[in-house]
Amino acid sequence: MSYYAAVAAARTATRLADLAESQGGLLTRRQAEASGVSPATITRLARSGALDRVAHGVYRFAGAPPPGHQELRAAWLQLAPDTPGWERRPEQGVVSHRSAAALHGLGHLPADNHDFILPGRRQTRRPDVRLHVGRLTDAEWNFLAGLPVTRPSRIAADLLGEREDPAAVAHVVTDAIGAGHDYPSTFAQTLAQHAAQFGLRRGDGVAVLRWLFGLVGDRRTAEWLAEAASPAALSAQSAQ
């Protein structure tokens, strides 16, 4: 390889490494092309092993250790392959439902598929990706391990809306509260929409929480219910 070719190759490698570093070691073909790397160069790097293909159009930069939840990250990058991760908006996909519970380490529901919430209906060719239609407020999601993910209270509401096993959802709730990831009052506010679904007084989020707690029998539930039923929490719930 000539000196100039070697310099060009080094610059390309640096460019791709910088892009991948901010995305858990992953990058998309379209992102690489947008940064000035030609399709032929990307193909050559993939064939040489400098880029490891982890999903259609998604690569891991060789030398970077596989990130946690690599398959989930790759599926998220595929939702908006032209846009760098740090420029993504919630409208381009937020990890949700079982995938969000697994990312938070809550409950024991298997996350065999990759769940995402988007504001509008979209199609995917991947049988292991489930796209849910919904809108999120700024308080219902945050970043975790570099991925946008719904907060535990929204996870529980979404799971109940999908008719998941209530006992499994109850474990998600108690795990989240016990670890300090979300508040009993926030769960009560978010779950209030499901009260009538379970034969409870419409809009009574505390009753939903009490019922879920009864399915797991955690010794701390009396304390959590008292917090959820405090005057300030009930006032916030009635304002929803």
Protein backbone atom coordinates (compact mmCIF):
# COMPACT_ATOMS: atom_id res chain seq x y z
CA MET A 1 0.00 0.00 0.00
CA SER A 2 1.31 3.42 -0.96
CA TYR A 3 1.91 6.14 1.61
CA TYR A 4 -1.11 8.14 0.43
CA ALA A 5 -3.35 5.07 0.43
CA ALA A 6 -2.23 4.25 3.94
CA VAL A 7 -2.98 7.79 5.12
CA ALA A 8 -6.42 7.67 3.49
CA ALA A 9 -7.14 4.29 5.09
CA ALA A 10 -6.10 5.57 8.50
CA ARG A 11 -8.33 8.61 8.15
CA THR A 12 -11.27 6.42 7.16
CA ALA A 13 -10.67 4.12 10.12
CA THR A 14 -10.52 7.09 12.49
CA ARG A 15 -13.72 8.55 11.04
CA LEU A 16 -15.59 5.27 11.47
CA ALA A 17 -14.15 4.66 14.93
CA ASP A 18 -15.30 8.10 16.11
CA LEU A 19 -18.77 7.46 14.75
CA ALA A 20 -19.03 4.00 16.30
CA GLU A 21 -17.62 5.06 19.67
CA SER A 22 -20.65 7.22 20.43
CA GLN A 23 -23.03 4.40 19.51
CA GLY A 24 -21.72 1.55 21.59
CA GLY A 25 -19.24 0.49 18.92
CA LEU A 26 -21.91 0.23 16.21
CA LEU A 27 -22.60 2.23 13.08
CA THR A 28 -24.85 1.96 10.04
CA ARG A 29 -23.82 1.81 6.41
CA ARG A 30 -25.79 4.99 5.72
CA GLN A 31 -24.08 6.84 8.55
CA ALA A 32 -20.70 5.80 7.18
CA GLU A 33 -21.65 6.94 3.68
CA ALA A 34 -22.93 10.27 5.06
CA SER A 35 -19.54 10.79 6.72
CA GLY A 36 -17.80 10.49 3.36
CA VAL A 37 -16.92 6.79 3.22
CA SER A 38 -17.77 5.27 -0.15
CA PRO A 39 -20.00 2.17 -0.46
CA ALA A 40 -17.10 0.28 -2.04
CA THR A 41 -14.85 1.09 0.92
CA ILE A 42 -17.49 -0.08 3.38
CA THR A 43 -17.87 -3.35 1.48
CA ARG A 44 -14.11 -3.83 1.41
CA LEU A 45 -13.79 -3.16 5.14
CA ALA A 46 -16.56 -5.64 5.88
CA ARG A 47 -14.92 -8.32 3.72
CA SER A 48 -11.54 -7.74 5.34
CA GLY A 49 -12.97 -8.05 8.85
CA ALA A 50 -12.38 -4.43 9.80
CA LEU A 51 -16.16 -4.11 10.16
CA ASP A 52 -18.27 -6.93 11.59
CA ARG A 53 -21.82 -7.10 10.29
CA VAL A 54 -24.26 -7.50 13.21
CA ALA A 55 -27.53 -6.79 11.34
CA HIS A 56 -28.62 -5.67 7.91
CA GLY A 57 -26.85 -2.38 7.28
CA VAL A 58 -25.36 -2.26 10.80
CA TYR A 59 -21.73 -2.98 11.66
CA ARG A 60 -19.52 -3.19 14.71
CA PHE A 61 -16.13 -1.55 14.37
CA ALA A 62 -13.48 -4.23 14.74
CA GLY A 63 -11.60 -3.91 17.98
CA ALA A 64 -14.58 -2.56 19.88
CA PRO A 65 -15.97 -5.06 22.39
CA PRO A 66 -19.56 -6.15 21.74
CA PRO A 67 -21.79 -3.70 23.62
CA GLY A 68 -24.45 -4.82 26.03
CA HIS A 69 -27.78 -5.52 24.34
CA GLN A 70 -26.03 -5.44 20.96
CA GLU A 71 -29.00 -6.87 19.03
CA LEU A 72 -31.37 -4.33 20.58
CA ARG A 73 -28.99 -1.48 19.75
CA ALA A 74 -28.68 -2.65 16.16
CA ALA A 75 -32.45 -2.85 15.78
CA TRP A 76 -32.77 0.69 17.16
CA LEU A 77 -30.15 2.01 14.73
CA GLN A 78 -32.07 0.42 11.86
CA LEU A 79 -35.15 2.51 12.68
CA ALA A 80 -33.40 5.69 11.48
CA PRO A 81 -30.21 4.50 9.76
CA ASP A 82 -29.27 7.93 8.40
CA THR A 83 -29.35 9.68 11.78
CA PRO A 84 -26.49 9.44 14.32
CA GLY A 85 -27.59 8.20 17.70
CA TRP A 86 -26.83 11.49 19.43
CA GLU A 87 -29.17 13.35 17.05
CA ARG A 88 -32.11 10.97 17.48
CA ARG A 89 -35.45 12.19 18.74
CA PRO A 90 -38.03 10.07 20.58
CA GLU A 91 -40.15 10.19 17.42
CA GLN A 92 -37.54 7.95 15.79
CA GLY A 93 -38.08 5.12 18.24
CA VAL A 94 -37.86 4.51 22.00
CA VAL A 95 -37.19 1.11 23.59
CA SER A 96 -40.41 -0.02 25.27
CA HIS A 97 -42.50 -2.86 26.71
CA ARG A 98 -40.58 -6.10 27.43
CA SER A 99 -37.37 -4.74 25.92
CA ALA A 100 -37.49 -1.73 28.22
CA ALA A 101 -38.13 -3.92 31.26
CA ALA A 102 -35.14 -6.08 30.34
CA LEU A 103 -32.92 -3.04 29.78
CA HIS A 104 -33.86 -1.73 33.24
CA GLY A 105 -33.42 -5.21 34.72
CA LEU A 106 -37.03 -5.35 35.97
CA GLY A 107 -39.20 -8.43 36.36
CA HIS A 108 -38.67 -11.69 34.54
CA LEU A 109 -40.55 -11.37 31.26
CA PRO A 110 -38.48 -12.81 28.39
CA ALA A 111 -37.50 -10.19 25.81
CA ASP A 112 -37.18 -12.39 22.74
CA ASN A 113 -38.33 -9.56 20.47
CA HIS A 114 -37.19 -5.94 20.26
CA ASP A 115 -39.97 -3.51 21.26
CA PHE A 116 -40.08 0.14 20.28
CA ILE A 117 -42.65 2.93 20.53
CA LEU A 118 -43.10 5.35 17.64
CA PRO A 119 -45.74 8.07 17.17
CA GLY A 120 -46.98 6.70 13.84
CA ARG A 121 -47.58 3.32 12.27
CA ARG A 122 -44.59 1.76 10.49
CA GLN A 123 -43.76 -1.55 8.92
CA THR A 124 -40.71 -3.72 9.55
CA ARG A 125 -39.46 -6.79 7.76
CA ARG A 126 -37.86 -8.16 10.89
CA PRO A 127 -40.00 -10.79 12.62
CA ASP A 128 -38.19 -10.13 15.91
CA VAL A 129 -39.01 -6.39 16.00
CA ARG A 130 -42.35 -5.14 17.32
CA LEU A 131 -43.30 -1.53 16.64
CA HIS A 132 -45.96 -0.02 18.91
CA VAL A 133 -47.84 3.17 18.14
CA GLY A 134 -47.93 5.68 20.98
CA ARG A 135 -46.85 9.11 22.10
CA LEU A 136 -44.52 9.79 25.00
CA THR A 137 -44.22 12.84 27.20
CA ASP A 138 -40.74 13.97 28.21
CA ALA A 139 -41.38 12.52 31.69
CA GLU A 140 -42.10 9.03 30.32
CA TRP A 141 -38.68 8.19 28.90
CA ASN A 142 -34.99 8.80 29.50
CA PHE A 143 -31.62 7.51 28.34
CA LEU A 144 -30.24 4.29 29.77
CA ALA A 145 -26.97 2.73 28.58
CA GLY A 146 -27.02 5.10 25.62
CA LEU A 147 -30.51 4.09 24.47
CA PRO A 148 -33.80 5.99 24.80
CA VAL A 149 -36.07 3.85 26.96
CA THR A 150 -39.47 4.24 28.58
CA ARG A 151 -39.51 4.76 32.34
CA PRO A 152 -40.77 1.92 34.56
CA SER A 153 -44.22 3.44 35.19
CA ARG A 154 -44.82 3.74 31.44
CA ILE A 155 -43.45 0.21 30.93
CA ALA A 156 -46.03 -1.18 33.35
CA ALA A 157 -48.87 0.74 31.71
CA ASP A 158 -47.82 -0.44 28.25
CA LEU A 159 -47.55 -4.06 29.39
CA LEU A 160 -51.03 -4.00 30.93
CA GLY A 161 -52.31 -2.41 27.74
CA GLU A 162 -50.87 -5.39 25.83
CA ARG A 163 -52.71 -7.79 28.18
CA GLU A 164 -49.50 -9.14 29.71
CA ASP A 165 -49.78 -11.37 32.78
CA PRO A 166 -50.63 -8.97 35.65
CA ALA A 167 -48.44 -10.92 38.08
CA ALA A 168 -45.46 -10.46 35.75
CA VAL A 169 -46.23 -6.75 35.51
CA ALA A 170 -46.50 -6.60 39.31
CA HIS A 171 -42.91 -7.86 39.56
CA VAL A 172 -41.80 -5.11 37.18
CA VAL A 173 -43.52 -2.55 39.42
CA THR A 174 -42.14 -3.83 42.72
CA ASP A 175 -38.64 -4.24 41.30
CA ALA A 176 -38.70 -0.66 40.02
CA ILE A 177 -39.98 0.88 43.25
CA GLY A 178 -37.70 -1.24 45.39
CA ALA A 179 -34.64 -0.14 43.40
CA GLY A 180 -35.72 3.52 43.42
CA HIS A 181 -36.18 3.68 39.64
CA ASP A 182 -39.68 5.19 39.90
CA TYR A 183 -42.16 6.34 42.55
CA PRO A 184 -45.36 4.70 43.81
CA SER A 185 -47.25 7.91 43.08
CA THR A 186 -46.00 7.93 39.49
CA PHE A 187 -47.15 4.34 39.02
CA ALA A 188 -50.56 5.20 40.47
CA GLN A 189 -50.93 8.12 38.08
CA THR A 190 -49.81 6.14 35.04
CA LEU A 191 -51.80 2.98 35.81
CA ALA A 192 -55.06 4.83 36.57
CA GLN A 193 -56.13 4.42 32.94
CA HIS A 194 -56.33 0.65 33.43
CA ALA A 195 -58.53 0.60 36.57
CA ALA A 196 -61.82 -0.17 34.77
CA GLN A 197 -60.07 -2.91 32.78
CA PHE A 198 -59.71 -4.86 36.04
CA GLY A 199 -63.13 -4.09 37.49
CA LEU A 200 -61.88 -1.27 39.71
CA ARG A 201 -63.25 2.24 40.09
CA ARG A 202 -62.48 4.16 36.93
CA GLY A 203 -59.33 6.25 37.25
CA ASP A 204 -58.33 4.78 40.62
CA GLY A 205 -54.62 4.22 40.12
CA VAL A 206 -54.01 3.48 43.80
CA ALA A 207 -56.51 0.60 43.57
CA VAL A 208 -54.63 -0.78 40.56
CA LEU A 209 -51.39 -0.54 42.49
CA ARG A 210 -52.93 -2.25 45.54
CA TRP A 211 -54.24 -5.06 43.36
CA LEU A 212 -50.87 -5.58 41.68
CA PHE A 213 -49.05 -5.54 45.01
CA GLY A 214 -51.42 -8.25 46.23
CA LEU A 215 -50.20 -10.53 43.45
CA VAL A 216 -46.61 -10.53 44.71
CA GLY A 217 -46.94 -9.91 48.47
CA ASP A 218 -43.89 -7.71 49.00
CA ARG A 219 -43.57 -6.70 52.67
CA ARG A 220 -42.94 -3.07 51.68
CA THR A 221 -46.22 -2.60 49.83
CA ALA A 222 -48.07 -1.00 52.75
CA GLU A 223 -45.43 1.74 52.87
CA TRP A 224 -45.57 2.20 49.09
CA LEU A 225 -49.37 2.38 49.08
CA ALA A 226 -49.31 5.02 51.79
CA GLU A 227 -46.96 7.08 49.66
CA ALA A 228 -49.10 6.61 46.55
CA ALA A 229 -52.26 7.55 48.46
CA SER A 230 -50.82 10.66 50.12
CA PRO A 231 -52.86 13.85 49.57
CA ALA A 232 -50.18 15.33 47.31
CA ALA A 233 -50.05 12.19 45.16
CA LEU A 234 -53.86 11.98 44.89
CA SER A 235 -54.02 15.61 43.92
CA ALA A 236 -51.49 15.05 41.16
CA GLN A 237 -53.40 11.97 40.01
CA SER A 238 -56.73 13.81 39.81
CA ALA A 239 -55.06 16.52 37.72
CA GLN A 240 -54.08 14.02 35.03
